[in-house]
Amino acid sequence: MKSEFKGRPLEAFPQLVSALQKLKGEKGRDQMFLVDDSRSMEPHQKKVAASCQVLSYLLKKGEVDPNATFEVYFTSSHPPLQSTRTSELKDNIEKMLFHEDQCNMAPSLDELVSKAIQNKKPVSIYVLTNGHWNLKNRDNFCGVDGPIKRLVTHVRRTNEQQNWIGVQFIRFFDDNENPDDKLGETRLKALDDDLKQQTGM
């Protein structure tokens, strides 16, 4: 980024303004991050921390979240982080231990879905993962489609706008030829493509 735009990313990249405005809508929306902090994500820990910082910084500059408070949840038992300072989120994630043998993605995402439904405010959920959720179970979705289908059912039943909630998977990988990374790619692509076909969203 050019030095004259330091601290002003929306001036450096004006094409982001309309996208952030669309995401914000009329009254803004809450932002939640779900971080896969299993052992297999340890090589990506710094990138995960940086991604959370950059995303939250852009969302903050775009005033997408009215209270500018970002919540980061984890697939382990680690307590959530909550801060208005993007650098604080990054530092805390970098200091954590990514040590769980298995990622409990389905129940973790389901918990956030429950929060979103109860809160009733528009919300975006960003899921940072490699898709290695359960390598012994080669099923495409590994149960993660359950919370998403639950959201779809809720939207249809309550006549909420389809963009009331968004779930975005952000993939991390070492090598596309690695069998585990290929499985992760297959799962995330299936969630992105197949669920859209199945649900019409």
N, C-alpha and C. Protein backbone atom coordinates (compact mmCIF):
# COMPACT_ATOMS: atom_id res chain seq x y z
N MET A 1 0.85 -1.19 0.00
CA MET A 1 0.00 0.00 0.00
C MET A 1 0.89 1.24 0.00
N LYS A 2 0.51 2.21 -0.81
CA LYS A 2 1.31 3.42 -0.89
C LYS A 2 1.33 4.12 0.47
N SER A 3 2.51 4.73 0.78
CA SER A 3 2.68 5.33 2.10
C SER A 3 1.67 6.44 2.37
N GLU A 4 1.26 7.17 1.31
CA GLU A 4 0.32 8.27 1.56
C GLU A 4 -1.07 7.78 1.96
N PHE A 5 -1.32 6.48 1.76
CA PHE A 5 -2.61 5.92 2.13
C PHE A 5 -2.53 5.08 3.40
N LYS A 6 -1.41 5.16 4.10
CA LYS A 6 -1.26 4.37 5.31
C LYS A 6 -2.35 4.73 6.32
N GLY A 7 -3.05 3.71 6.81
CA GLY A 7 -4.15 3.94 7.74
C GLY A 7 -5.45 4.32 7.06
N ARG A 8 -5.42 4.39 5.71
CA ARG A 8 -6.63 4.74 4.95
C ARG A 8 -6.81 3.77 3.79
N PRO A 9 -7.06 2.49 4.08
CA PRO A 9 -7.11 1.47 3.03
C PRO A 9 -8.23 1.69 2.02
N LEU A 10 -9.32 2.31 2.44
CA LEU A 10 -10.43 2.51 1.51
C LEU A 10 -10.14 3.58 0.48
N GLU A 11 -9.17 4.44 0.76
CA GLU A 11 -8.72 5.41 -0.24
C GLU A 11 -7.74 4.75 -1.20
N ALA A 12 -6.94 3.84 -0.67
CA ALA A 12 -5.98 3.13 -1.52
C ALA A 12 -6.68 2.13 -2.43
N PHE A 13 -7.77 1.53 -1.92
CA PHE A 13 -8.52 0.53 -2.69
C PHE A 13 -10.00 0.93 -2.71
N PRO A 14 -10.35 1.94 -3.49
CA PRO A 14 -11.74 2.45 -3.48
C PRO A 14 -12.77 1.41 -3.92
N GLN A 15 -12.32 0.37 -4.64
CA GLN A 15 -13.26 -0.67 -5.08
C GLN A 15 -13.85 -1.44 -3.90
N LEU A 16 -13.19 -1.35 -2.73
CA LEU A 16 -13.70 -2.04 -1.55
C LEU A 16 -14.90 -1.32 -0.93
N VAL A 17 -15.04 -0.04 -1.22
CA VAL A 17 -16.07 0.76 -0.55
C VAL A 17 -17.46 0.21 -0.83
N SER A 18 -17.77 -0.05 -2.10
CA SER A 18 -19.12 -0.52 -2.44
C SER A 18 -19.39 -1.90 -1.85
N ALA A 19 -18.37 -2.76 -1.83
CA ALA A 19 -18.54 -4.09 -1.26
C ALA A 19 -18.83 -4.02 0.24
N LEU A 20 -18.10 -3.16 0.93
CA LEU A 20 -18.31 -3.00 2.37
C LEU A 20 -19.66 -2.35 2.66
N GLN A 21 -20.06 -1.42 1.80
CA GLN A 21 -21.36 -0.75 1.99
C GLN A 21 -22.50 -1.75 1.81
N LYS A 22 -22.34 -2.63 0.83
CA LYS A 22 -23.35 -3.66 0.60
C LYS A 22 -23.43 -4.61 1.79
N LEU A 23 -22.26 -4.96 2.32
CA LEU A 23 -22.21 -5.85 3.48
C LEU A 23 -22.85 -5.18 4.70
N LYS A 24 -22.60 -3.91 4.84
CA LYS A 24 -23.12 -3.16 6.00
C LYS A 24 -24.64 -3.08 5.98
N GLY A 25 -25.22 -2.84 4.80
CA GLY A 25 -26.67 -2.67 4.71
C GLY A 25 -27.11 -1.37 5.35
N GLU A 26 -28.36 -1.32 5.78
CA GLU A 26 -28.92 -0.08 6.32
C GLU A 26 -28.48 0.19 7.76
N LYS A 27 -28.40 -0.88 8.56
CA LYS A 27 -28.14 -0.69 9.99
C LYS A 27 -26.86 -1.35 10.47
N GLY A 28 -26.04 -1.85 9.55
CA GLY A 28 -24.81 -2.52 9.94
C GLY A 28 -25.06 -3.96 10.33
N ARG A 29 -23.96 -4.69 10.55
CA ARG A 29 -24.10 -6.09 10.93
C ARG A 29 -22.96 -6.52 11.84
N ASP A 30 -23.26 -7.47 12.71
CA ASP A 30 -22.24 -8.00 13.60
C ASP A 30 -21.26 -8.86 12.81
N GLN A 31 -20.04 -8.97 13.33
CA GLN A 31 -19.00 -9.75 12.69
C GLN A 31 -18.45 -10.77 13.69
N MET A 32 -18.44 -12.03 13.30
CA MET A 32 -17.91 -13.08 14.16
C MET A 32 -16.90 -13.92 13.38
N PHE A 33 -15.81 -14.23 14.04
CA PHE A 33 -14.78 -15.08 13.44
C PHE A 33 -14.76 -16.41 14.20
N LEU A 34 -14.67 -17.51 13.44
CA LEU A 34 -14.51 -18.82 14.05
C LEU A 34 -13.18 -19.40 13.57
N VAL A 35 -12.25 -19.57 14.51
CA VAL A 35 -10.90 -20.02 14.17
C VAL A 35 -10.73 -21.49 14.53
N ASP A 36 -10.32 -22.26 13.55
CA ASP A 36 -9.94 -23.66 13.77
C ASP A 36 -8.56 -23.64 14.43
N ASP A 37 -8.52 -23.92 15.73
CA ASP A 37 -7.23 -23.89 16.45
C ASP A 37 -6.76 -25.30 16.80
N SER A 38 -7.06 -26.25 15.92
CA SER A 38 -6.56 -27.61 16.11
C SER A 38 -5.07 -27.66 15.75
N ARG A 39 -4.42 -28.76 16.12
CA ARG A 39 -2.98 -28.89 15.91
C ARG A 39 -2.58 -28.75 14.44
N SER A 40 -3.43 -29.23 13.54
CA SER A 40 -3.09 -29.18 12.11
C SER A 40 -3.05 -27.75 11.58
N MET A 41 -3.63 -26.81 12.32
CA MET A 41 -3.62 -25.41 11.90
C MET A 41 -2.44 -24.63 12.47
N GLU A 42 -1.64 -25.27 13.30
CA GLU A 42 -0.51 -24.57 13.93
C GLU A 42 0.45 -23.94 12.92
N PRO A 43 0.76 -24.62 11.78
CA PRO A 43 1.66 -23.98 10.80
C PRO A 43 1.08 -22.70 10.21
N HIS A 44 -0.22 -22.53 10.30
CA HIS A 44 -0.88 -21.36 9.72
C HIS A 44 -1.24 -20.30 10.76
N GLN A 45 -0.78 -20.50 11.99
CA GLN A 45 -1.26 -19.66 13.09
C GLN A 45 -1.01 -18.17 12.85
N LYS A 46 0.19 -17.82 12.39
CA LYS A 46 0.49 -16.40 12.15
C LYS A 46 -0.36 -15.84 11.02
N LYS A 47 -0.60 -16.65 9.99
CA LYS A 47 -1.44 -16.19 8.88
C LYS A 47 -2.88 -16.02 9.33
N VAL A 48 -3.33 -16.91 10.20
CA VAL A 48 -4.69 -16.80 10.74
C VAL A 48 -4.82 -15.49 11.53
N ALA A 49 -3.83 -15.23 12.39
CA ALA A 49 -3.84 -14.01 13.20
C ALA A 49 -3.84 -12.77 12.32
N ALA A 50 -2.99 -12.78 11.29
CA ALA A 50 -2.90 -11.64 10.38
C ALA A 50 -4.20 -11.47 9.59
N SER A 51 -4.80 -12.58 9.19
CA SER A 51 -6.06 -12.52 8.43
C SER A 51 -7.17 -11.90 9.27
N CYS A 52 -7.25 -12.31 10.53
CA CYS A 52 -8.26 -11.74 11.43
C CYS A 52 -8.04 -10.23 11.60
N GLN A 53 -6.78 -9.84 11.71
CA GLN A 53 -6.48 -8.42 11.88
C GLN A 53 -6.86 -7.62 10.63
N VAL A 54 -6.46 -8.11 9.47
CA VAL A 54 -6.72 -7.38 8.22
C VAL A 54 -8.22 -7.28 7.95
N LEU A 55 -8.91 -8.41 8.09
CA LEU A 55 -10.35 -8.41 7.84
C LEU A 55 -11.09 -7.48 8.80
N SER A 56 -10.77 -7.60 10.08
CA SER A 56 -11.45 -6.76 11.07
C SER A 56 -11.10 -5.28 10.87
N TYR A 57 -9.87 -5.01 10.44
CA TYR A 57 -9.46 -3.63 10.19
C TYR A 57 -10.27 -3.02 9.04
N LEU A 58 -10.42 -3.78 7.95
CA LEU A 58 -11.20 -3.29 6.81
C LEU A 58 -12.67 -3.11 7.19
N LEU A 59 -13.20 -4.07 7.94
CA LEU A 59 -14.59 -3.97 8.37
C LEU A 59 -14.80 -2.78 9.30
N LYS A 60 -13.79 -2.52 10.11
CA LYS A 60 -13.86 -1.37 11.03
C LYS A 60 -13.82 -0.06 10.24
N LYS A 61 -12.91 0.03 9.27
CA LYS A 61 -12.80 1.24 8.47
C LYS A 61 -14.07 1.48 7.66
N GLY A 62 -14.70 0.37 7.23
CA GLY A 62 -15.94 0.49 6.47
C GLY A 62 -17.16 0.68 7.33
N GLU A 63 -16.95 0.72 8.66
CA GLU A 63 -18.03 0.93 9.64
C GLU A 63 -19.17 -0.08 9.44
N VAL A 64 -18.77 -1.33 9.12
CA VAL A 64 -19.76 -2.38 8.88
C VAL A 64 -20.47 -2.77 10.17
N ASP A 65 -19.69 -2.87 11.25
CA ASP A 65 -20.25 -3.22 12.56
C ASP A 65 -20.43 -1.93 13.36
N PRO A 66 -21.66 -1.57 13.73
CA PRO A 66 -21.91 -0.29 14.42
C PRO A 66 -21.08 -0.08 15.68
N ASN A 67 -20.86 -1.14 16.47
CA ASN A 67 -20.09 -0.95 17.70
C ASN A 67 -18.61 -1.28 17.53
N ALA A 68 -18.23 -1.68 16.30
CA ALA A 68 -16.81 -1.95 15.98
C ALA A 68 -16.16 -2.92 16.95
N THR A 69 -16.95 -3.83 17.49
CA THR A 69 -16.42 -4.86 18.39
C THR A 69 -16.40 -6.19 17.65
N PHE A 70 -15.23 -6.80 17.61
CA PHE A 70 -15.08 -8.05 16.87
C PHE A 70 -14.94 -9.22 17.84
N GLU A 71 -15.65 -10.29 17.52
CA GLU A 71 -15.65 -11.47 18.37
C GLU A 71 -14.96 -12.62 17.63
N VAL A 72 -14.01 -13.25 18.30
CA VAL A 72 -13.30 -14.39 17.73
C VAL A 72 -13.55 -15.61 18.61
N TYR A 73 -14.15 -16.63 18.00
CA TYR A 73 -14.43 -17.88 18.70
C TYR A 73 -13.49 -18.96 18.17
N PHE A 74 -13.37 -20.03 18.94
CA PHE A 74 -12.42 -21.09 18.59
C PHE A 74 -13.11 -22.46 18.64
N THR A 75 -12.59 -23.39 17.86
CA THR A 75 -13.18 -24.73 17.84
C THR A 75 -12.75 -25.56 19.05
N SER A 76 -11.79 -25.08 19.81
CA SER A 76 -11.38 -25.74 21.05
C SER A 76 -12.17 -25.12 22.20
N SER A 77 -11.77 -25.44 23.42
CA SER A 77 -12.44 -24.88 24.59
C SER A 77 -11.89 -23.51 24.98
N HIS A 78 -11.00 -22.96 24.16
CA HIS A 78 -10.42 -21.65 24.46
C HIS A 78 -11.54 -20.60 24.50
N PRO A 79 -11.55 -19.74 25.52
CA PRO A 79 -12.61 -18.72 25.61
C PRO A 79 -12.53 -17.74 24.44
N PRO A 80 -13.66 -17.18 24.04
CA PRO A 80 -13.68 -16.24 22.92
C PRO A 80 -12.89 -14.96 23.23
N LEU A 81 -12.41 -14.33 22.18
CA LEU A 81 -11.77 -13.03 22.29
C LEU A 81 -12.76 -11.98 21.81
N GLN A 82 -12.73 -10.82 22.44
CA GLN A 82 -13.59 -9.72 22.04
C GLN A 82 -12.81 -8.42 22.19
N SER A 83 -12.75 -7.66 21.12
CA SER A 83 -11.96 -6.43 21.18
C SER A 83 -12.38 -5.46 20.08
N THR A 84 -12.16 -4.19 20.33
CA THR A 84 -12.34 -3.16 19.30
C THR A 84 -11.00 -2.87 18.62
N ARG A 85 -9.92 -3.42 19.15
CA ARG A 85 -8.58 -3.18 18.61
C ARG A 85 -8.12 -4.38 17.79
N THR A 86 -7.93 -4.17 16.51
CA THR A 86 -7.59 -5.28 15.62
C THR A 86 -6.20 -5.85 15.93
N SER A 87 -5.28 -5.00 16.35
CA SER A 87 -3.93 -5.48 16.68
C SER A 87 -3.97 -6.38 17.91
N GLU A 88 -4.89 -6.11 18.81
CA GLU A 88 -5.03 -6.93 20.02
C GLU A 88 -5.51 -8.33 19.67
N LEU A 89 -6.43 -8.42 18.72
CA LEU A 89 -6.90 -9.72 18.26
C LEU A 89 -5.74 -10.52 17.69
N LYS A 90 -4.95 -9.87 16.84
CA LYS A 90 -3.81 -10.53 16.21
C LYS A 90 -2.82 -11.03 17.26
N ASP A 91 -2.45 -10.19 18.20
CA ASP A 91 -1.47 -10.56 19.22
C ASP A 91 -1.96 -11.73 20.06
N ASN A 92 -3.22 -11.71 20.45
CA ASN A 92 -3.76 -12.78 21.29
C ASN A 92 -3.80 -14.12 20.55
N ILE A 93 -4.14 -14.09 19.28
CA ILE A 93 -4.19 -15.33 18.50
C ILE A 93 -2.78 -15.89 18.32
N GLU A 94 -1.81 -15.02 18.11
CA GLU A 94 -0.42 -15.48 17.94
C GLU A 94 0.13 -16.12 19.20
N LYS A 95 -0.35 -15.70 20.36
CA LYS A 95 0.17 -16.22 21.63
C LYS A 95 -0.50 -17.53 22.06
N MET A 96 -1.57 -17.90 21.39
CA MET A 96 -2.32 -19.09 21.79
C MET A 96 -1.56 -20.38 21.47
N LEU A 97 -2.04 -21.47 22.03
CA LEU A 97 -1.55 -22.80 21.68
C LEU A 97 -2.59 -23.49 20.81
N PHE A 98 -2.18 -23.85 19.61
CA PHE A 98 -3.05 -24.64 18.73
C PHE A 98 -2.69 -26.10 18.97
N HIS A 99 -3.39 -26.76 19.86
CA HIS A 99 -2.91 -28.09 20.29
C HIS A 99 -3.97 -29.19 20.28
N GLU A 100 -5.22 -28.87 19.95
CA GLU A 100 -6.25 -29.92 19.93
C GLU A 100 -5.98 -30.90 18.79
N ASP A 101 -6.09 -32.20 19.09
CA ASP A 101 -5.84 -33.22 18.06
C ASP A 101 -6.90 -33.20 16.96
N GLN A 102 -8.12 -32.90 17.33
CA GLN A 102 -9.21 -32.93 16.37
C GLN A 102 -9.99 -31.63 16.43
N CYS A 103 -10.50 -31.21 15.28
CA CYS A 103 -11.27 -29.97 15.20
C CYS A 103 -12.76 -30.26 15.33
N ASN A 104 -13.40 -29.63 16.28
CA ASN A 104 -14.84 -29.79 16.48
C ASN A 104 -15.60 -28.69 15.73
N MET A 105 -15.49 -28.72 14.41
CA MET A 105 -16.05 -27.63 13.62
C MET A 105 -17.57 -27.59 13.65
N ALA A 106 -18.21 -28.75 13.48
CA ALA A 106 -19.68 -28.76 13.39
C ALA A 106 -20.34 -28.19 14.65
N PRO A 107 -20.01 -28.68 15.86
CA PRO A 107 -20.65 -28.11 17.06
C PRO A 107 -20.26 -26.66 17.31
N SER A 108 -19.03 -26.29 16.92
CA SER A 108 -18.58 -24.90 17.13
C SER A 108 -19.37 -23.94 16.24
N LEU A 109 -19.56 -24.33 14.97
CA LEU A 109 -20.33 -23.49 14.06
C LEU A 109 -21.80 -23.46 14.48
N ASP A 110 -22.29 -24.58 14.95
CA ASP A 110 -23.69 -24.64 15.39
C ASP A 110 -23.94 -23.68 16.56
N GLU A 111 -22.95 -23.55 17.43
CA GLU A 111 -23.07 -22.63 18.56
C GLU A 111 -23.19 -21.18 18.09
N LEU A 112 -22.40 -20.83 17.06
CA LEU A 112 -22.47 -19.46 16.53
C LEU A 112 -23.80 -19.23 15.81
N VAL A 113 -24.28 -20.26 15.13
CA VAL A 113 -25.58 -20.15 14.46
C VAL A 113 -26.68 -19.88 15.50
N SER A 114 -26.61 -20.57 16.63
CA SER A 114 -27.59 -20.34 17.70
C SER A 114 -27.53 -18.91 18.20
N LYS A 115 -26.31 -18.38 18.37
CA LYS A 115 -26.15 -16.99 18.81
C LYS A 115 -26.76 -16.03 17.80
N ALA A 116 -26.52 -16.30 16.52
CA ALA A 116 -27.03 -15.42 15.47
C ALA A 116 -28.56 -15.42 15.44
N ILE A 117 -29.15 -16.59 15.56
CA ILE A 117 -30.61 -16.70 15.53
C ILE A 117 -31.23 -15.99 16.72
N GLN A 118 -30.61 -16.15 17.89
CA GLN A 118 -31.14 -15.51 19.10
C GLN A 118 -30.98 -13.99 19.06
N ASN A 119 -29.86 -13.54 18.49
CA ASN A 119 -29.56 -12.11 18.46
C ASN A 119 -30.44 -11.35 17.48
N LYS A 120 -30.78 -12.03 16.36
CA LYS A 120 -31.68 -11.49 15.33
C LYS A 120 -31.09 -10.36 14.49
N LYS A 121 -29.88 -9.89 14.82
CA LYS A 121 -29.25 -8.85 14.01
C LYS A 121 -28.56 -9.49 12.81
N PRO A 122 -28.44 -8.76 11.69
CA PRO A 122 -27.65 -9.27 10.58
C PRO A 122 -26.22 -9.58 11.04
N VAL A 123 -25.66 -10.65 10.53
CA VAL A 123 -24.34 -11.07 11.00
C VAL A 123 -23.57 -11.77 9.88
N SER A 124 -22.26 -11.62 9.91
CA SER A 124 -21.36 -12.36 9.03
C SER A 124 -20.46 -13.23 9.89
N ILE A 125 -20.31 -14.49 9.49
CA ILE A 125 -19.44 -15.42 10.20
C ILE A 125 -18.31 -15.82 9.26
N TYR A 126 -17.08 -15.60 9.69
CA TYR A 126 -15.90 -15.96 8.90
C TYR A 126 -15.24 -17.16 9.56
N VAL A 127 -15.12 -18.25 8.83
CA VAL A 127 -14.57 -19.49 9.37
C VAL A 127 -13.18 -19.71 8.78
N LEU A 128 -12.15 -19.67 9.62
CA LEU A 128 -10.77 -19.82 9.17
C LEU A 128 -10.31 -21.23 9.49
N THR A 129 -10.06 -22.04 8.45
CA THR A 129 -9.82 -23.46 8.66
C THR A 129 -9.07 -24.07 7.48
N ASN A 130 -8.52 -25.27 7.70
CA ASN A 130 -7.93 -26.03 6.60
C ASN A 130 -8.84 -27.17 6.16
N GLY A 131 -9.96 -27.35 6.84
CA GLY A 131 -10.91 -28.39 6.46
C GLY A 131 -10.52 -29.79 6.88
N HIS A 132 -9.55 -29.91 7.79
CA HIS A 132 -9.09 -31.23 8.25
C HIS A 132 -9.93 -31.76 9.41
N TRP A 133 -11.16 -31.37 9.50
CA TRP A 133 -11.97 -31.53 10.70
C TRP A 133 -11.92 -32.91 11.33
N ASN A 134 -12.14 -33.94 10.55
CA ASN A 134 -12.06 -35.31 11.05
C ASN A 134 -11.53 -36.17 9.92
N LEU A 135 -10.23 -36.43 9.94
CA LEU A 135 -9.60 -37.11 8.82
C LEU A 135 -9.96 -38.59 8.75
N LYS A 136 -10.52 -39.13 9.83
CA LYS A 136 -10.95 -40.53 9.81
C LYS A 136 -12.31 -40.67 9.13
N ASN A 137 -13.02 -39.58 9.06
CA ASN A 137 -14.33 -39.55 8.40
C ASN A 137 -14.17 -38.77 7.10
N ARG A 138 -14.24 -39.45 5.97
CA ARG A 138 -13.97 -38.81 4.69
C ARG A 138 -15.23 -38.16 4.08
N ASP A 139 -16.30 -38.12 4.85
CA ASP A 139 -17.53 -37.50 4.37
C ASP A 139 -17.25 -36.05 3.97
N ASN A 140 -17.85 -35.63 2.86
CA ASN A 140 -17.58 -34.29 2.34
C ASN A 140 -17.79 -33.19 3.37
N PHE A 141 -18.92 -33.22 4.06
CA PHE A 141 -19.27 -32.12 4.94
C PHE A 141 -18.88 -32.35 6.39
N CYS A 142 -18.72 -33.60 6.78
CA CYS A 142 -18.31 -33.90 8.15
C CYS A 142 -19.23 -33.26 9.19
N GLY A 143 -20.52 -33.15 8.85
CA GLY A 143 -21.50 -32.59 9.78
C GLY A 143 -21.59 -31.08 9.78
N VAL A 144 -20.68 -30.41 9.06
CA VAL A 144 -20.66 -28.94 9.08
C VAL A 144 -21.83 -28.36 8.28
N ASP A 145 -22.40 -29.16 7.39
CA ASP A 145 -23.55 -28.68 6.63
C ASP A 145 -24.80 -28.53 7.50
N GLY A 146 -24.82 -29.23 8.64
CA GLY A 146 -25.98 -29.17 9.52
C GLY A 146 -26.32 -27.77 10.00
N PRO A 147 -25.36 -27.04 10.60
CA PRO A 147 -25.65 -25.68 11.05
C PRO A 147 -26.05 -24.74 9.91
N ILE A 148 -25.45 -24.94 8.73
CA ILE A 148 -25.78 -24.07 7.60
C ILE A 148 -27.20 -24.33 7.12
N LYS A 149 -27.58 -25.60 7.04
CA LYS A 149 -28.96 -25.93 6.65
C LYS A 149 -29.95 -25.41 7.68
N ARG A 150 -29.54 -25.44 8.94
CA ARG A 150 -30.39 -24.91 10.00
C ARG A 150 -30.63 -23.41 9.80
N LEU A 151 -29.58 -22.71 9.39
CA LEU A 151 -29.73 -21.28 9.09
C LEU A 151 -30.69 -21.05 7.94
N VAL A 152 -30.53 -21.85 6.90
CA VAL A 152 -31.40 -21.72 5.72
C VAL A 152 -32.86 -21.93 6.11
N THR A 153 -33.10 -22.96 6.91
CA THR A 153 -34.46 -23.24 7.37
C THR A 153 -35.03 -22.07 8.16
N HIS A 154 -34.18 -21.48 9.01
CA HIS A 154 -34.62 -20.33 9.82
C HIS A 154 -34.96 -19.14 8.93
N VAL A 155 -34.11 -18.87 7.94
CA VAL A 155 -34.34 -17.73 7.04
C VAL A 155 -35.66 -17.90 6.30
N ARG A 156 -35.91 -19.13 5.82
CA ARG A 156 -37.15 -19.37 5.07
C ARG A 156 -38.38 -19.30 5.96
N ARG A 157 -38.26 -19.80 7.18
CA ARG A 157 -39.41 -19.84 8.08
C ARG A 157 -39.79 -18.44 8.57
N THR A 158 -38.78 -17.61 8.79
CA THR A 158 -39.04 -16.27 9.34
C THR A 158 -39.10 -15.18 8.28
N ASN A 159 -38.92 -15.60 7.00
CA ASN A 159 -38.93 -14.65 5.89
C ASN A 159 -37.86 -13.57 6.02
N GLU A 160 -36.74 -13.94 6.64
CA GLU A 160 -35.61 -13.01 6.70
C GLU A 160 -35.01 -12.86 5.30
N GLN A 161 -34.38 -11.74 5.05
CA GLN A 161 -33.66 -11.58 3.79
C GLN A 161 -32.52 -12.59 3.74
N GLN A 162 -32.22 -13.08 2.53
CA GLN A 162 -31.18 -14.11 2.41
C GLN A 162 -29.82 -13.60 2.86
N ASN A 163 -29.58 -12.30 2.73
CA ASN A 163 -28.29 -11.77 3.16
C ASN A 163 -28.28 -11.38 4.63
N TRP A 164 -29.33 -11.79 5.36
CA TRP A 164 -29.37 -11.53 6.81
C TRP A 164 -28.15 -12.13 7.49
N ILE A 165 -27.71 -13.27 7.01
CA ILE A 165 -26.51 -13.89 7.57
C ILE A 165 -25.65 -14.44 6.45
N GLY A 166 -24.35 -14.35 6.63
CA GLY A 166 -23.42 -14.91 5.67
C GLY A 166 -22.38 -15.76 6.37
N VAL A 167 -22.05 -16.90 5.77
CA VAL A 167 -20.99 -17.76 6.31
C VAL A 167 -19.93 -17.89 5.23
N GLN A 168 -18.73 -17.41 5.54
CA GLN A 168 -17.62 -17.42 4.58
C GLN A 168 -16.48 -18.27 5.11
N PHE A 169 -16.13 -19.33 4.36
CA PHE A 169 -15.00 -20.18 4.74
C PHE A 169 -13.72 -19.64 4.11
N ILE A 170 -12.70 -19.44 4.93
CA ILE A 170 -11.40 -18.96 4.46
C ILE A 170 -10.41 -20.11 4.65
N ARG A 171 -9.88 -20.62 3.55
CA ARG A 171 -9.10 -21.86 3.58
C ARG A 171 -7.61 -21.60 3.72
N PHE A 172 -6.97 -22.44 4.54
CA PHE A 172 -5.52 -22.43 4.72
C PHE A 172 -4.98 -23.80 4.34
N PHE A 173 -3.85 -23.83 3.63
CA PHE A 173 -3.29 -25.12 3.23
C PHE A 173 -1.79 -24.99 2.99
N ASP A 174 -1.11 -26.14 3.04
CA ASP A 174 0.33 -26.20 2.78
C ASP A 174 0.61 -26.57 1.34
N ASP A 175 -0.08 -27.62 0.86
CA ASP A 175 0.23 -28.19 -0.44
C ASP A 175 -1.04 -28.81 -1.02
N ASN A 176 -1.45 -28.35 -2.18
CA ASN A 176 -2.67 -28.88 -2.79
C ASN A 176 -2.56 -30.35 -3.16
N GLU A 177 -1.32 -30.87 -3.22
CA GLU A 177 -1.14 -32.29 -3.54
C GLU A 177 -1.15 -33.15 -2.28
N ASN A 178 -1.10 -32.52 -1.13
CA ASN A 178 -1.18 -33.26 0.13
C ASN A 178 -2.60 -33.82 0.28
N PRO A 179 -2.73 -35.15 0.57
CA PRO A 179 -4.08 -35.76 0.65
C PRO A 179 -5.00 -35.06 1.64
N ASP A 180 -4.46 -34.65 2.79
CA ASP A 180 -5.30 -33.99 3.79
C ASP A 180 -5.76 -32.62 3.31
N ASP A 181 -4.84 -31.89 2.66
CA ASP A 181 -5.21 -30.57 2.13
C ASP A 181 -6.20 -30.70 0.97
N LYS A 182 -6.05 -31.76 0.17
CA LYS A 182 -6.99 -32.00 -0.92
C LYS A 182 -8.38 -32.30 -0.37
N LEU A 183 -8.41 -33.07 0.72
CA LEU A 183 -9.68 -33.37 1.37
C LEU A 183 -10.33 -32.09 1.90
N GLY A 184 -9.50 -31.24 2.52
CA GLY A 184 -10.01 -29.96 3.03
C GLY A 184 -10.58 -29.11 1.91
N GLU A 185 -9.88 -29.08 0.78
CA GLU A 185 -10.37 -28.31 -0.37
C GLU A 185 -11.71 -28.86 -0.87
N THR A 186 -11.79 -30.20 -0.94
CA THR A 186 -13.03 -30.84 -1.40
C THR A 186 -14.20 -30.49 -0.49
N ARG A 187 -13.95 -30.53 0.81
CA ARG A 187 -15.02 -30.22 1.76
C ARG A 187 -15.50 -28.77 1.63
N LEU A 188 -14.56 -27.84 1.55
CA LEU A 188 -14.95 -26.43 1.49
C LEU A 188 -15.62 -26.09 0.16
N LYS A 189 -15.13 -26.73 -0.91
CA LYS A 189 -15.76 -26.50 -2.22
C LYS A 189 -17.18 -27.08 -2.22
N ALA A 190 -17.33 -28.25 -1.59
CA ALA A 190 -18.65 -28.87 -1.51
C ALA A 190 -19.62 -27.99 -0.73
N LEU A 191 -19.13 -27.43 0.37
CA LEU A 191 -19.98 -26.55 1.17
C LEU A 191 -20.38 -25.31 0.38
N ASP A 192 -19.44 -24.80 -0.39
CA ASP A 192 -19.69 -23.58 -1.15
C ASP A 192 -20.60 -23.84 -2.35
N ASP A 193 -20.33 -24.94 -3.07
CA ASP A 193 -21.07 -25.22 -4.31
C ASP A 193 -22.33 -26.06 -4.09
N ASP A 194 -22.15 -27.22 -3.48
CA ASP A 194 -23.26 -28.16 -3.36
C ASP A 194 -24.39 -27.62 -2.49
N LEU A 195 -24.04 -26.97 -1.39
CA LEU A 195 -25.09 -26.45 -0.52
C LEU A 195 -25.88 -25.33 -1.20
N LYS A 196 -25.21 -24.55 -2.03
CA LYS A 196 -25.92 -23.50 -2.77
C LYS A 196 -26.95 -24.12 -3.70
N GLN A 197 -26.57 -25.24 -4.33
CA GLN A 197 -27.50 -25.93 -5.22
C GLN A 197 -28.65 -26.56 -4.44
N GLN A 198 -28.32 -27.13 -3.29
CA GLN A 198 -29.34 -27.82 -2.50
C GLN A 198 -30.32 -26.85 -1.86
N THR A 199 -29.83 -25.69 -1.46
CA THR A 199 -30.67 -24.76 -0.70
C THR A 199 -31.17 -23.58 -1.53
N GLY A 200 -30.54 -23.35 -2.68
CA GLY A 200 -30.93 -22.21 -3.50
C GLY A 200 -30.40 -20.89 -2.99
N MET A 201 -29.43 -20.96 -2.05
CA MET A 201 -28.86 -19.74 -1.50
C MET A 201 -27.37 -19.66 -1.80
